[in-house]
Amino acid sequence: MSYPKMASLLKKLMEKTDAVQLKWEEGSKKATFRVSFPEYTILLSIRPCADSPEDDYYISIFNSEGTLIEETSDRELATFIPNAYQQMQSLYDKARRQALGVDKAIDNILENLK
């Protein structure tokens, strides 16, 4: 596992998501969101943690055949990224909002309330 590279990946994903340069979509499983590249797909997921009330956030990388080639959680990145949990939670929330069209829905509702 290359945690420093995964930490760099998280940082870049956050930057590109904030700049709306990535197109996040719903994953095939509930509460997962993905962004695809020509040869790879990144999946963000949230999973219950057995020894903590907080869920764990995961970044998974799949190749073009759908094989999981790398995966890490906020706990594993905590040594390399200050506030890894909060950063992954923020990325997950932004990806979710984009994939589900939350802002569009709120804008539409506000327009209908005028």
PDB file of N, CA and C in Angstrom:
ATOM      1  N   MET A   1       0.858  -1.186   0.000  1.00  0.00           N
ATOM      2  CA  MET A   1       0.000   0.000   0.000  1.00  0.00           C
ATOM      3  C   MET A   1       0.892   1.234   0.000  1.00  0.00           C
ATOM      4  N   SER A   2       0.588   2.133  -0.883  1.00  0.00           N
ATOM      5  CA  SER A   2       1.319   3.399  -0.946  1.00  0.00           C
ATOM      6  C   SER A   2       0.446   4.496  -0.346  1.00  0.00           C
ATOM      7  N   TYR A   3       0.466   4.601   0.978  1.00  0.00           N
ATOM      8  CA  TYR A   3      -0.377   5.586   1.650  1.00  0.00           C
ATOM      9  C   TYR A   3      -0.064   7.023   1.231  1.00  0.00           C
ATOM     10  N   PRO A   4       1.211   7.399   1.059  1.00  0.00           N
ATOM     11  CA  PRO A   4       1.467   8.778   0.613  1.00  0.00           C
ATOM     12  C   PRO A   4       0.823   9.085  -0.743  1.00  0.00           C
ATOM     13  N   LYS A   5       0.852   8.120  -1.662  1.00  0.00           N
ATOM     14  CA  LYS A   5       0.213   8.340  -2.971  1.00  0.00           C
ATOM     15  C   LYS A   5      -1.307   8.421  -2.830  1.00  0.00           C
ATOM     16  N   MET A   6      -1.866   7.586  -1.973  1.00  0.00           N
ATOM     17  CA  MET A   6      -3.313   7.643  -1.754  1.00  0.00           C
ATOM     18  C   MET A   6      -3.697   8.967  -1.096  1.00  0.00           C
ATOM     19  N   ALA A   7      -2.849   9.472  -0.225  1.00  0.00           N
ATOM     20  CA  ALA A   7      -3.088  10.779   0.391  1.00  0.00           C
ATOM     21  C   ALA A   7      -3.059  11.867  -0.678  1.00  0.00           C
ATOM     22  N   SER A   8      -2.109  11.781  -1.612  1.00  0.00           N
ATOM     23  CA  SER A   8      -2.050  12.739  -2.728  1.00  0.00           C
ATOM     24  C   SER A   8      -3.286  12.628  -3.608  1.00  0.00           C
ATOM     25  N   LEU A   9      -3.735  11.400  -3.835  1.00  0.00           N
ATOM     26  CA  LEU A   9      -4.940  11.183  -4.632  1.00  0.00           C
ATOM     27  C   LEU A   9      -6.150  11.828  -3.970  1.00  0.00           C
ATOM     28  N   LEU A  10      -6.294  11.636  -2.674  1.00  0.00           N
ATOM     29  CA  LEU A  10      -7.409  12.250  -1.946  1.00  0.00           C
ATOM     30  C   LEU A  10      -7.373  13.766  -2.101  1.00  0.00           C
ATOM     31  N   LYS A  11      -6.215  14.353  -1.947  1.00  0.00           N
ATOM     32  CA  LYS A  11      -6.077  15.804  -2.075  1.00  0.00           C
ATOM     33  C   LYS A  11      -6.494  16.269  -3.470  1.00  0.00           C
ATOM     34  N   LYS A  12      -6.036  15.570  -4.509  1.00  0.00           N
ATOM     35  CA  LYS A  12      -6.395  15.945  -5.882  1.00  0.00           C
ATOM     36  C   LYS A  12      -7.887  15.763  -6.141  1.00  0.00           C
ATOM     37  N   LEU A  13      -8.463  14.681  -5.625  1.00  0.00           N
ATOM     38  CA  LEU A  13      -9.900  14.461  -5.797  1.00  0.00           C
ATOM     39  C   LEU A  13     -10.696  15.594  -5.155  1.00  0.00           C
ATOM     40  N   MET A  14     -10.251  16.031  -3.994  1.00  0.00           N
ATOM     41  CA  MET A  14     -10.935  17.129  -3.315  1.00  0.00           C
ATOM     42  C   MET A  14     -10.824  18.417  -4.122  1.00  0.00           C
ATOM     43  N   GLU A  15      -9.634  18.712  -4.632  1.00  0.00           N
ATOM     44  CA  GLU A  15      -9.430  19.927  -5.433  1.00  0.00           C
ATOM     45  C   GLU A  15     -10.311  19.909  -6.680  1.00  0.00           C
ATOM     46  N   LYS A  16     -10.292  18.804  -7.406  1.00  0.00           N
ATOM     47  CA  LYS A  16     -11.055  18.699  -8.661  1.00  0.00           C
ATOM     48  C   LYS A  16     -12.562  18.675  -8.404  1.00  0.00           C
ATOM     49  N   THR A  17     -12.981  18.081  -7.291  1.00  0.00           N
ATOM     50  CA  THR A  17     -14.403  18.075  -6.944  1.00  0.00           C
ATOM     51  C   THR A  17     -14.857  19.479  -6.581  1.00  0.00           C
ATOM     52  N   ASP A  18     -14.059  20.191  -5.791  1.00  0.00           N
ATOM     53  CA  ASP A  18     -14.389  21.580  -5.428  1.00  0.00           C
ATOM     54  C   ASP A  18     -14.489  22.472  -6.663  1.00  0.00           C
ATOM     55  N   ALA A  19     -13.651  22.202  -7.668  1.00  0.00           N
ATOM     56  CA  ALA A  19     -13.651  22.996  -8.897  1.00  0.00           C
ATOM     57  C   ALA A  19     -14.681  22.486  -9.907  1.00  0.00           C
ATOM     58  N   VAL A  20     -15.480  21.501  -9.516  1.00  0.00           N
ATOM     59  CA  VAL A  20     -16.502  20.867 -10.358  1.00  0.00           C
ATOM     60  C   VAL A  20     -15.877  20.387 -11.679  1.00  0.00           C
ATOM     61  N   GLN A  21     -14.720  19.741 -11.569  1.00  0.00           N
ATOM     62  CA  GLN A  21     -14.034  19.200 -12.734  1.00  0.00           C
ATOM     63  C   GLN A  21     -14.140  17.685 -12.823  1.00  0.00           C
ATOM     64  N   LEU A  22     -14.857  17.091 -11.896  1.00  0.00           N
ATOM     65  CA  LEU A  22     -15.108  15.654 -11.921  1.00  0.00           C
ATOM     66  C   LEU A  22     -16.607  15.424 -12.000  1.00  0.00           C
ATOM     67  N   LYS A  23     -17.001  14.349 -12.655  1.00  0.00           N
ATOM     68  CA  LYS A  23     -18.419  14.013 -12.750  1.00  0.00           C
ATOM     69  C   LYS A  23     -18.696  12.782 -11.887  1.00  0.00           C
ATOM     70  N   TRP A  24     -19.132  13.030 -10.660  1.00  0.00           N
ATOM     71  CA  TRP A  24     -19.464  11.946  -9.746  1.00  0.00           C
ATOM     72  C   TRP A  24     -20.827  11.383 -10.093  1.00  0.00           C
ATOM     73  N   GLU A  25     -20.962  10.070  -9.999  1.00  0.00           N
ATOM     74  CA  GLU A  25     -22.210   9.368 -10.275  1.00  0.00           C
ATOM     75  C   GLU A  25     -22.505   8.406  -9.133  1.00  0.00           C
ATOM     76  N   GLU A  26     -23.745   7.966  -9.068  1.00  0.00           N
ATOM     77  CA  GLU A  26     -24.087   6.946  -8.075  1.00  0.00           C
ATOM     78  C   GLU A  26     -23.400   5.643  -8.447  1.00  0.00           C
ATOM     79  N   GLY A  27     -22.909   4.934  -7.426  1.00  0.00           N
ATOM     80  CA  GLY A  27     -22.317   3.623  -7.650  1.00  0.00           C
ATOM     81  C   GLY A  27     -23.405   2.567  -7.765  1.00  0.00           C
ATOM     82  N   SER A  28     -23.006   1.351  -8.028  1.00  0.00           N
ATOM     83  CA  SER A  28     -23.990   0.279  -8.188  1.00  0.00           C
ATOM     84  C   SER A  28     -24.560  -0.177  -6.845  1.00  0.00           C
ATOM     85  N   LYS A  29     -23.851   0.093  -5.764  1.00  0.00           N
ATOM     86  CA  LYS A  29     -24.357  -0.250  -4.433  1.00  0.00           C
ATOM     87  C   LYS A  29     -24.821   1.014  -3.730  1.00  0.00           C
ATOM     88  N   LYS A  30     -25.744   0.827  -2.807  1.00  0.00           N
ATOM     89  CA  LYS A  30     -26.289   1.950  -2.038  1.00  0.00           C
ATOM     90  C   LYS A  30     -25.165   2.678  -1.300  1.00  0.00           C
ATOM     91  N   ALA A  31     -25.254   3.992  -1.265  1.00  0.00           N
ATOM     92  CA  ALA A  31     -24.310   4.851  -0.535  1.00  0.00           C
ATOM     93  C   ALA A  31     -22.892   4.779  -1.076  1.00  0.00           C
ATOM     94  N   THR A  32     -22.765   4.548  -2.402  1.00  0.00           N
ATOM     95  CA  THR A  32     -21.458   4.602  -3.045  1.00  0.00           C
ATOM     96  C   THR A  32     -21.530   5.584  -4.208  1.00  0.00           C
ATOM     97  N   PHE A  33     -20.400   6.234  -4.466  1.00  0.00           N
ATOM     98  CA  PHE A  33     -20.329   7.217  -5.540  1.00  0.00           C
ATOM     99  C   PHE A  33     -19.021   7.015  -6.278  1.00  0.00           C
ATOM    100  N   ARG A  34     -19.087   7.164  -7.602  1.00  0.00           N
ATOM    101  CA  ARG A  34     -17.917   6.845  -8.410  1.00  0.00           C
ATOM    102  C   ARG A  34     -17.616   7.946  -9.420  1.00  0.00           C
ATOM    103  N   VAL A  35     -16.353   7.996  -9.786  1.00  0.00           N
ATOM    104  CA  VAL A  35     -15.904   8.853 -10.873  1.00  0.00           C
ATOM    105  C   VAL A  35     -15.020   7.973 -11.746  1.00  0.00           C
ATOM    106  N   SER A  36     -15.227   8.063 -13.054  1.00  0.00           N
ATOM    107  CA  SER A  36     -14.501   7.183 -13.969  1.00  0.00           C
ATOM    108  C   SER A  36     -13.474   7.949 -14.781  1.00  0.00           C
ATOM    109  N   PHE A  37     -12.375   7.264 -15.036  1.00  0.00           N
ATOM    110  CA  PHE A  37     -11.301   7.750 -15.877  1.00  0.00           C
ATOM    111  C   PHE A  37     -11.151   6.737 -17.007  1.00  0.00           C
ATOM    112  N   PRO A  38     -10.351   7.041 -18.023  1.00  0.00           N
ATOM    113  CA  PRO A  38     -10.273   6.101 -19.152  1.00  0.00           C
ATOM    114  C   PRO A  38      -9.958   4.651 -18.763  1.00  0.00           C
ATOM    115  N   GLU A  39      -9.071   4.430 -17.826  1.00  0.00           N
ATOM    116  CA  GLU A  39      -8.697   3.057 -17.498  1.00  0.00           C
ATOM    117  C   GLU A  39      -9.054   2.624 -16.081  1.00  0.00           C
ATOM    118  N   TYR A  40      -9.536   3.579 -15.249  1.00  0.00           N
ATOM    119  CA  TYR A  40      -9.786   3.268 -13.849  1.00  0.00           C
ATOM    120  C   TYR A  40     -11.058   3.959 -13.359  1.00  0.00           C
ATOM    121  N   THR A  41     -11.621   3.419 -12.301  1.00  0.00           N
ATOM    122  CA  THR A  41     -12.772   4.019 -11.635  1.00  0.00           C
ATOM    123  C   THR A  41     -12.455   4.125 -10.159  1.00  0.00           C
ATOM    124  N   ILE A  42     -12.794   5.271  -9.592  1.00  0.00           N
ATOM    125  CA  ILE A  42     -12.629   5.475  -8.155  1.00  0.00           C
ATOM    126  C   ILE A  42     -14.010   5.432  -7.524  1.00  0.00           C
ATOM    127  N   LEU A  43     -14.117   4.685  -6.454  1.00  0.00           N
ATOM    128  CA  LEU A  43     -15.377   4.530  -5.743  1.00  0.00           C
ATOM    129  C   LEU A  43     -15.207   5.043  -4.320  1.00  0.00           C
ATOM    130  N   LEU A  44     -16.121   5.899  -3.888  1.00  0.00           N
ATOM    131  CA  LEU A  44     -16.170   6.354  -2.505  1.00  0.00           C
ATOM    132  C   LEU A  44     -17.297   5.612  -1.819  1.00  0.00           C
ATOM    133  N   SER A  45     -17.016   5.108  -0.632  1.00  0.00           N
ATOM    134  CA  SER A  45     -18.060   4.396   0.102  1.00  0.00           C
ATOM    135  C   SER A  45     -17.934   4.698   1.587  1.00  0.00           C
ATOM    136  N   ILE A  46     -18.995   4.384   2.284  1.00  0.00           N
ATOM    137  CA  ILE A  46     -19.054   4.555   3.730  1.00  0.00           C
ATOM    138  C   ILE A  46     -19.481   3.211   4.307  1.00  0.00           C
ATOM    139  N   ARG A  47     -18.799   2.808   5.371  1.00  0.00           N
ATOM    140  CA  ARG A  47     -19.083   1.503   5.960  1.00  0.00           C
ATOM    141  C   ARG A  47     -19.119   1.633   7.480  1.00  0.00           C
ATOM    142  N   PRO A  48     -19.996   0.878   8.124  1.00  0.00           N
ATOM    143  CA  PRO A  48     -20.032   0.903   9.590  1.00  0.00           C
ATOM    144  C   PRO A  48     -18.720   0.388  10.165  1.00  0.00           C
ATOM    145  N   CYS A  49     -18.349   0.957  11.269  1.00  0.00           N
ATOM    146  CA  CYS A  49     -17.136   0.524  11.976  1.00  0.00           C
ATOM    147  C   CYS A  49     -17.565  -0.242  13.221  1.00  0.00           C
ATOM    148  N   ALA A  50     -17.000  -1.412  13.412  1.00  0.00           N
ATOM    149  CA  ALA A  50     -17.390  -2.271  14.534  1.00  0.00           C
ATOM    150  C   ALA A  50     -16.985  -1.711  15.894  1.00  0.00           C
ATOM    151  N   ASP A  51     -15.882  -0.980  15.939  1.00  0.00           N
ATOM    152  CA  ASP A  51     -15.377  -0.526  17.232  1.00  0.00           C
ATOM    153  C   ASP A  51     -15.508   0.979  17.462  1.00  0.00           C
ATOM    154  N   SER A  52     -16.354   1.632  16.680  1.00  0.00           N
ATOM    155  CA  SER A  52     -16.534   3.076  16.823  1.00  0.00           C
ATOM    156  C   SER A  52     -17.935   3.460  16.353  1.00  0.00           C
ATOM    157  N   PRO A  53     -18.512   4.496  16.956  1.00  0.00           N
ATOM    158  CA  PRO A  53     -19.833   4.937  16.488  1.00  0.00           C
ATOM    159  C   PRO A  53     -19.766   5.652  15.140  1.00  0.00           C
ATOM    160  N   GLU A  54     -18.562   6.098  14.750  1.00  0.00           N
ATOM    161  CA  GLU A  54     -18.406   6.772  13.467  1.00  0.00           C
ATOM    162  C   GLU A  54     -18.188   5.746  12.359  1.00  0.00           C
ATOM    163  N   ASP A  55     -18.763   6.022  11.200  1.00  0.00           N
ATOM    164  CA  ASP A  55     -18.534   5.165  10.041  1.00  0.00           C
ATOM    165  C   ASP A  55     -17.136   5.423   9.499  1.00  0.00           C
ATOM    166  N   ASP A  56     -16.639   4.493   8.698  1.00  0.00           N
ATOM    167  CA  ASP A  56     -15.367   4.670   8.012  1.00  0.00           C
ATOM    168  C   ASP A  56     -15.638   5.018   6.555  1.00  0.00           C
ATOM    169  N   TYR A  57     -14.801   5.888   6.016  1.00  0.00           N
ATOM    170  CA  TYR A  57     -14.880   6.267   4.609  1.00  0.00           C
ATOM    171  C   TYR A  57     -13.759   5.562   3.859  1.00  0.00           C
ATOM    172  N   TYR A  58     -14.083   5.056   2.663  1.00  0.00           N
ATOM    173  CA  TYR A  58     -13.126   4.305   1.862  1.00  0.00           C
ATOM    174  C   TYR A  58     -13.002   4.905   0.470  1.00  0.00           C
ATOM    175  N   ILE A  59     -11.787   4.852  -0.051  1.00  0.00           N
ATOM    176  CA  ILE A  59     -11.512   5.134  -1.463  1.00  0.00           C
ATOM    177  C   ILE A  59     -11.033   3.819  -2.058  1.00  0.00           C
ATOM    178  N   SER A  60     -11.690   3.385  -3.120  1.00  0.00           N
ATOM    179  CA  SER A  60     -11.324   2.144  -3.798  1.00  0.00           C
ATOM    180  C   SER A  60     -11.026   2.455  -5.257  1.00  0.00           C
ATOM    181  N   ILE A  61     -10.005   1.798  -5.802  1.00  0.00           N
ATOM    182  CA  ILE A  61      -9.643   1.973  -7.205  1.00  0.00           C
ATOM    183  C   ILE A  61      -9.855   0.640  -7.917  1.00  0.00           C
ATOM    184  N   PHE A  62     -10.601   0.690  -9.027  1.00  0.00           N
ATOM    185  CA  PHE A  62     -10.878  -0.486  -9.845  1.00  0.00           C
ATOM    186  C   PHE A  62     -10.274  -0.287 -11.224  1.00  0.00           C
ATOM    187  N   ASN A  63      -9.766  -1.354 -11.818  1.00  0.00           N
ATOM    188  CA  ASN A  63      -9.258  -1.247 -13.179  1.00  0.00           C
ATOM    189  C   ASN A  63     -10.407  -1.391 -14.174  1.00  0.00           C
ATOM    190  N   SER A  64     -10.095  -1.346 -15.458  1.00  0.00           N
ATOM    191  CA  SER A  64     -11.142  -1.369 -16.487  1.00  0.00           C
ATOM    192  C   SER A  64     -11.898  -2.694 -16.541  1.00  0.00           C
ATOM    193  N   GLU A  65     -11.340  -3.749 -15.953  1.00  0.00           N
ATOM    194  CA  GLU A  65     -12.042  -5.038 -15.903  1.00  0.00           C
ATOM    195  C   GLU A  65     -12.922  -5.162 -14.657  1.00  0.00           C
ATOM    196  N   GLY A  66     -12.902  -4.135 -13.789  1.00  0.00           N
ATOM    197  CA  GLY A  66     -13.707  -4.157 -12.577  1.00  0.00           C
ATOM    198  C   GLY A  66     -13.022  -4.802 -11.389  1.00  0.00           C
ATOM    199  N   THR A  67     -11.734  -5.040 -11.495  1.00  0.00           N
ATOM    200  CA  THR A  67     -10.979  -5.656 -10.404  1.00  0.00           C
ATOM    201  C   THR A  67     -10.512  -4.582  -9.427  1.00  0.00           C
ATOM    202  N   LEU A  68     -10.744  -4.806  -8.156  1.00  0.00           N
ATOM    203  CA  LEU A  68     -10.260  -3.904  -7.123  1.00  0.00           C
ATOM    204  C   LEU A  68      -8.743  -4.012  -7.073  1.00  0.00           C
ATOM    205  N   ILE A  69      -8.052  -2.873  -7.298  1.00  0.00           N
ATOM    206  CA  ILE A  69      -6.592  -2.919  -7.280  1.00  0.00           C
ATOM    207  C   ILE A  69      -5.991  -2.201  -6.077  1.00  0.00           C
ATOM    208  N   GLU A  70      -6.775  -1.340  -5.431  1.00  0.00           N
ATOM    209  CA  GLU A  70      -6.278  -0.650  -4.243  1.00  0.00           C
ATOM    210  C   GLU A  70      -7.460  -0.101  -3.462  1.00  0.00           C
ATOM    211  N   GLU A  71      -7.302  -0.056  -2.143  1.00  0.00           N
ATOM    212  CA  GLU A  71      -8.361   0.469  -1.290  1.00  0.00           C
ATOM    213  C   GLU A  71      -7.743   0.955   0.012  1.00  0.00           C
ATOM    214  N   THR A  72      -8.250   2.057   0.504  1.00  0.00           N
ATOM    215  CA  THR A  72      -7.801   2.564   1.789  1.00  0.00           C
ATOM    216  C   THR A  72      -8.955   3.284   2.472  1.00  0.00           C
ATOM    217  N   SER A  73      -8.822   3.424   3.779  1.00  0.00           N
ATOM    218  CA  SER A  73      -9.858   4.084   4.573  1.00  0.00           C
ATOM    219  C   SER A  73      -9.294   5.337   5.228  1.00  0.00           C
ATOM    220  N   ASP A  74     -10.188   6.126   5.792  1.00  0.00           N
ATOM    221  CA  ASP A  74      -9.758   7.321   6.515  1.00  0.00           C
ATOM    222  C   ASP A  74      -8.833   6.955   7.676  1.00  0.00           C
ATOM    223  N   ARG A  75      -9.091   5.835   8.324  1.00  0.00           N
ATOM    224  CA  ARG A  75      -8.233   5.408   9.445  1.00  0.00           C
ATOM    225  C   ARG A  75      -6.806   5.125   8.977  1.00  0.00           C
ATOM    226  N   GLU A  76      -6.692   4.481   7.828  1.00  0.00           N
ATOM    227  CA  GLU A  76      -5.373   4.149   7.311  1.00  0.00           C
ATOM    228  C   GLU A  76      -4.612   5.392   6.851  1.00  0.00           C
ATOM    229  N   LEU A  77      -5.326   6.401   6.407  1.00  0.00           N
ATOM    230  CA  LEU A  77      -4.676   7.627   5.935  1.00  0.00           C
ATOM    231  C   LEU A  77      -4.413   8.640   7.037  1.00  0.00           C
ATOM    232  N   ALA A  78      -4.942   8.378   8.223  1.00  0.00           N
ATOM    233  CA  ALA A  78      -4.834   9.347   9.324  1.00  0.00           C
ATOM    234  C   ALA A  78      -3.385   9.692   9.674  1.00  0.00           C
ATOM    235  N   THR A  79      -2.477   8.780   9.481  1.00  0.00           N
ATOM    236  CA  THR A  79      -1.069   9.047   9.762  1.00  0.00           C
ATOM    237  C   THR A  79      -0.470  10.023   8.755  1.00  0.00           C
ATOM    238  N   PHE A  80      -1.014  10.052   7.548  1.00  0.00           N
ATOM    239  CA  PHE A  80      -0.448  10.852   6.470  1.00  0.00           C
ATOM    240  C   PHE A  80      -1.206  12.149   6.206  1.00  0.00           C
ATOM    241  N   ILE A  81      -2.450  12.209   6.657  1.00  0.00           N
ATOM    242  CA  ILE A  81      -3.287  13.379   6.412  1.00  0.00           C
ATOM    243  C   ILE A  81      -3.918  13.827   7.726  1.00  0.00           C
ATOM    244  N   PRO A  82      -3.631  15.066   8.126  1.00  0.00           N
ATOM    245  CA  PRO A  82      -4.339  15.571   9.310  1.00  0.00           C
ATOM    246  C   PRO A  82      -5.836  15.624   9.013  1.00  0.00           C
ATOM    247  N   ASN A  83      -6.631  15.229   9.957  1.00  0.00           N
ATOM    248  CA  ASN A  83      -8.094  15.253   9.790  1.00  0.00           C
ATOM    249  C   ASN A  83      -8.568  14.413   8.610  1.00  0.00           C
ATOM    250  N   ALA A  84      -7.977  13.262   8.415  1.00  0.00           N
ATOM    251  CA  ALA A  84      -8.342  12.399   7.288  1.00  0.00           C
ATOM    252  C   ALA A  84      -9.829  12.065   7.293  1.00  0.00           C
ATOM    253  N   TYR A  85     -10.376  11.807   8.481  1.00  0.00           N
ATOM    254  CA  TYR A  85     -11.804  11.468   8.565  1.00  0.00           C
ATOM    255  C   TYR A  85     -12.655  12.615   8.026  1.00  0.00           C
ATOM    256  N   GLN A  86     -12.396  13.828   8.494  1.00  0.00           N
ATOM    257  CA  GLN A  86     -13.177  14.986   8.071  1.00  0.00           C
ATOM    258  C   GLN A  86     -12.999  15.265   6.576  1.00  0.00           C
ATOM    259  N   GLN A  87     -11.783  15.083   6.078  1.00  0.00           N
ATOM    260  CA  GLN A  87     -11.546  15.333   4.660  1.00  0.00           C
ATOM    261  C   GLN A  87     -12.268  14.312   3.784  1.00  0.00           C
ATOM    262  N   MET A  88     -12.213  13.041   4.166  1.00  0.00           N
ATOM    263  CA  MET A  88     -12.905  12.025   3.377  1.00  0.00           C
ATOM    264  C   MET A  88     -14.418  12.167   3.506  1.00  0.00           C
ATOM    265  N   GLN A  89     -14.881  12.552   4.669  1.00  0.00           N
ATOM    266  CA  GLN A  89     -16.307  12.806   4.859  1.00  0.00           C
ATOM    267  C   GLN A  89     -16.752  13.949   3.957  1.00  0.00           C
ATOM    268  N   SER A  90     -15.964  15.001   3.894  1.00  0.00           N
ATOM    269  CA  SER A  90     -16.282  16.148   3.050  1.00  0.00           C
ATOM    270  C   SER A  90     -16.311  15.756   1.573  1.00  0.00           C
ATOM    271  N   LEU A  91     -15.312  15.001   1.123  1.00  0.00           N
ATOM    272  CA  LEU A  91     -15.288  14.551  -0.272  1.00  0.00           C
ATOM    273  C   LEU A  91     -16.499  13.677  -0.566  1.00  0.00           C
ATOM    274  N   TYR A  92     -16.799  12.756   0.316  1.00  0.00           N
ATOM    275  CA  TYR A  92     -17.960  11.875   0.136  1.00  0.00           C
ATOM    276  C   TYR A  92     -19.243  12.703   0.032  1.00  0.00           C
ATOM    277  N   ASP A  93     -19.407  13.673   0.927  1.00  0.00           N
ATOM    278  CA  ASP A  93     -20.620  14.506   0.914  1.00  0.00           C
ATOM    279  C   ASP A  93     -20.732  15.310  -0.375  1.00  0.00           C
ATOM    280  N   LYS A  94     -19.622  15.858  -0.855  1.00  0.00           N
ATOM    281  CA  LYS A  94     -19.642  16.629  -2.105  1.00  0.00           C
ATOM    282  C   LYS A  94     -19.943  15.735  -3.293  1.00  0.00           C
ATOM    283  N   ALA A  95     -19.337  14.555  -3.324  1.00  0.00           N
ATOM    284  CA  ALA A  95     -19.608  13.612  -4.413  1.00  0.00           C
ATOM    285  C   ALA A  95     -21.080  13.191  -4.393  1.00  0.00           C
ATOM    286  N   ARG A  96     -21.607  12.949  -3.215  1.00  0.00           N
ATOM    287  CA  ARG A  96     -23.015  12.567  -3.061  1.00  0.00           C
ATOM    288  C   ARG A  96     -23.939  13.663  -3.564  1.00  0.00           C
ATOM    289  N   ARG A  97     -23.678  14.894  -3.147  1.00  0.00           N
ATOM    290  CA  ARG A  97     -24.522  16.026  -3.557  1.00  0.00           C
ATOM    291  C   ARG A  97     -24.511  16.180  -5.073  1.00  0.00           C
ATOM    292  N   GLN A  98     -23.328  16.044  -5.658  1.00  0.00           N
ATOM    293  CA  GLN A  98     -23.229  16.185  -7.108  1.00  0.00           C
ATOM    294  C   GLN A  98     -23.942  15.038  -7.821  1.00  0.00           C
ATOM    295  N   ALA A  99     -23.670  13.811  -7.398  1.00  0.00           N
ATOM    296  CA  ALA A  99     -24.253  12.641  -8.062  1.00  0.00           C
ATOM    297  C   ALA A  99     -25.770  12.622  -7.972  1.00  0.00           C
ATOM    298  N   LEU A 100     -26.303  13.055  -6.842  1.00  0.00           N
ATOM    299  CA  LEU A 100     -27.754  13.028  -6.645  1.00  0.00           C
ATOM    300  C   LEU A 100     -28.451  14.300  -7.115  1.00  0.00           C
ATOM    301  N   GLY A 101     -27.675  15.305  -7.531  1.00  0.00           N
ATOM    302  CA  GLY A 101     -28.270  16.546  -8.016  1.00  0.00           C
ATOM    303  C   GLY A 101     -28.951  17.348  -6.921  1.00  0.00           C
ATOM    304  N   VAL A 102     -28.365  17.357  -5.735  1.00  0.00           N
ATOM    305  CA  VAL A 102     -28.980  18.020  -4.586  1.00  0.00           C
ATOM    306  C   VAL A 102     -29.172  19.521  -4.837  1.00  0.00           C
ATOM    307  N   ASP A 103     -28.151  20.190  -5.342  1.00  0.00           N
ATOM    308  CA  ASP A 103     -28.275  21.634  -5.569  1.00  0.00           C
ATOM    309  C   ASP A 103     -29.351  21.955  -6.602  1.00  0.00           C
ATOM    310  N   LYS A 104     -29.424  21.137  -7.650  1.00  0.00           N
ATOM    311  CA  LYS A 104     -30.461  21.330  -8.664  1.00  0.00           C
ATOM    312  C   LYS A 104     -31.847  21.163  -8.043  1.00  0.00           C
ATOM    313  N   ALA A 105     -31.996  20.170  -7.180  1.00  0.00           N
ATOM    314  CA  ALA A 105     -33.284  19.926  -6.520  1.00  0.00           C
ATOM    315  C   ALA A 105     -33.672  21.105  -5.632  1.00  0.00           C
ATOM    316  N   ILE A 106     -32.706  21.601  -4.859  1.00  0.00           N
ATOM    317  CA  ILE A 106     -33.005  22.736  -3.975  1.00  0.00           C
ATOM    318  C   ILE A 106     -33.353  23.969  -4.791  1.00  0.00           C
ATOM    319  N   ASP A 107     -32.610  24.220  -5.865  1.00  0.00           N
ATOM    320  CA  ASP A 107     -32.914  25.368  -6.735  1.00  0.00           C
ATOM    321  C   ASP A 107     -34.326  25.249  -7.312  1.00  0.00           C
ATOM    322  N   ASN A 108     -34.692  24.045  -7.743  1.00  0.00           N
ATOM    323  CA  ASN A 108     -36.016  23.826  -8.305  1.00  0.00           C
ATOM    324  C   ASN A 108     -37.105  24.053  -7.267  1.00  0.00           C
ATOM    325  N   ILE A 109     -36.904  23.556  -6.072  1.00  0.00           N
ATOM    326  CA  ILE A 109     -37.889  23.730  -4.996  1.00  0.00           C
ATOM    327  C   ILE A 109     -38.015  25.208  -4.647  1.00  0.00           C
ATOM    328  N   LEU A 110     -36.883  25.887  -4.528  1.00  0.00           N
ATOM    329  CA  LEU A 110     -36.932  27.329  -4.235  1.00  0.00           C
ATOM    330  C   LEU A 110     -37.683  28.101  -5.311  1.00  0.00           C
ATOM    331  N   GLU A 111     -37.464  27.718  -6.554  1.00  0.00           N
ATOM    332  CA  GLU A 111     -38.158  28.373  -7.670  1.00  0.00           C
ATOM    333  C   GLU A 111     -39.670  28.143  -7.564  1.00  0.00           C
ATOM    334  N   ASN A 112     -40.060  26.946  -7.188  1.00  0.00           N
ATOM    335  CA  ASN A 112     -41.477  26.627  -7.045  1.00  0.00           C
ATOM    336  C   ASN A 112     -42.118  27.291  -5.849  1.00  0.00           C
ATOM    337  N   LEU A 113     -41.307  27.688  -4.887  1.00  0.00           N
ATOM    338  CA  LEU A 113     -41.843  28.365  -3.687  1.00  0.00           C
ATOM    339  C   LEU A 113     -42.016  29.865  -3.886  1.00  0.00           C
ATOM    340  N   LYS A 114     -41.564  30.390  -5.011  1.00  0.00           N
ATOM    341  CA  LYS A 114     -41.716  31.833  -5.266  1.00  0.00           C
ATOM    342  C   LYS A 114     -43.145  32.187  -5.533  1.00  0.00           C
TER     343      LYS A 114
END
